Amino acid sequence: MTLRFIAKDPNTDGANCPTVWVDEERQEIVIQGWKVDEATRTDCLTTGPIPDSEDVVRLPARMVAAIREACNVADRSAVQ
């Protein structure tokens, strides 16, 4: 698997920061973000359980452009 790097959070120092990649082969978006606090996790659980194989992460709104780009790349990968 080779991930295509999209962007890191532009307002961080470049280390340990939210990041977005696309796995074009699997047509999946891969996101690194901040762990959520227990209050946020509890709110998320109101819509259903979070399986052990999944987690919830938080990204800043300033990453929207990077997420849109990742969505576009993933869409193009699915068409090819």
Protein backbone atom coordinates (compact mmCIF):
# COMPACT_ATOMS: atom_id res chain seq x y z
CA MET A 1 0.00 0.00 0.00
CA THR A 2 1.29 3.42 -0.95
CA LEU A 3 -0.35 6.46 0.55
CA ARG A 4 -0.56 9.70 -1.41
CA PHE A 5 0.19 12.60 0.92
CA ILE A 6 -2.36 15.41 0.64
CA ALA A 7 -1.56 17.91 3.43
CA LYS A 8 -0.60 18.59 7.02
CA ASP A 9 -2.34 21.13 9.20
CA PRO A 10 -0.91 24.45 7.96
CA ASN A 11 -1.03 26.02 11.42
CA THR A 12 1.29 23.55 13.14
CA ASP A 13 5.03 23.12 13.31
CA GLY A 14 5.00 20.20 10.84
CA ALA A 15 5.48 17.52 13.50
CA ASN A 16 2.79 15.57 15.31
CA CYS A 17 0.00 17.35 13.47
CA PRO A 18 -3.25 16.42 11.73
CA THR A 19 -2.48 14.95 8.31
CA VAL A 20 -4.52 13.68 5.37
CA TRP A 21 -3.50 10.95 2.87
CA VAL A 22 -5.32 8.93 0.21
CA ASP A 23 -4.85 5.23 -0.45
CA GLU A 24 -5.65 5.31 -4.17
CA GLU A 25 -5.52 1.54 -4.53
CA ARG A 26 -8.19 1.00 -1.86
CA GLN A 27 -9.99 4.30 -2.57
CA GLU A 28 -9.80 5.29 1.09
CA ILE A 29 -8.96 8.50 2.91
CA VAL A 30 -6.51 8.14 5.80
CA ILE A 31 -6.60 10.80 8.51
CA GLN A 32 -4.35 11.51 11.47
CA GLY A 33 -5.96 13.77 14.03
CA TRP A 34 -6.14 14.59 17.69
CA LYS A 35 -7.72 12.08 20.03
CA VAL A 36 -11.13 13.19 21.26
CA ASP A 37 -11.88 13.76 24.92
CA GLU A 38 -14.34 11.61 26.86
CA ALA A 39 -17.16 14.16 26.54
CA THR A 40 -16.84 14.12 22.74
CA ARG A 41 -16.63 10.32 22.70
CA THR A 42 -19.79 10.14 24.82
CA ASP A 43 -21.58 12.46 22.38
CA CYS A 44 -20.47 10.28 19.45
CA LEU A 45 -21.75 7.16 21.20
CA THR A 46 -25.30 8.55 21.15
CA THR A 47 -25.52 7.51 17.48
CA GLY A 48 -24.18 3.99 18.10
CA PRO A 49 -21.16 2.07 19.35
CA ILE A 50 -17.61 2.63 18.14
CA PRO A 51 -16.13 -0.78 17.24
CA ASP A 52 -12.72 -1.70 18.64
CA SER A 53 -11.38 -1.57 15.06
CA GLU A 54 -12.41 2.12 14.68
CA ASP A 55 -11.83 5.41 16.47
CA VAL A 56 -12.92 9.03 16.39
CA VAL A 57 -10.38 11.80 15.76
CA ARG A 58 -10.71 15.55 15.67
CA LEU A 59 -9.43 17.78 12.85
CA PRO A 60 -9.43 21.59 12.72
CA ALA A 61 -11.82 23.26 10.26
CA ARG A 62 -8.79 24.78 8.51
CA MET A 63 -8.16 21.25 7.12
CA VAL A 64 -11.39 21.31 5.06
CA ALA A 65 -9.55 22.14 1.82
CA ALA A 66 -7.19 19.19 2.35
CA ILE A 67 -10.10 16.86 3.08
CA ARG A 68 -11.91 18.06 -0.06
CA GLU A 69 -8.76 17.44 -2.10
CA ALA A 70 -8.46 13.94 -0.60
CA CYS A 71 -12.11 13.25 -1.48
CA ASN A 72 -11.48 14.37 -5.07
CA VAL A 73 -8.38 12.18 -5.35
CA ALA A 74 -10.25 9.19 -3.92
CA ASP A 75 -13.13 9.79 -6.37
CA ARG A 76 -10.74 9.91 -9.32
CA SER A 77 -9.07 6.69 -8.14
CA ALA A 78 -12.43 4.94 -8.04
CA VAL A 79 -13.17 5.94 -11.65
CA GLN A 80 -9.89 4.71 -13.12
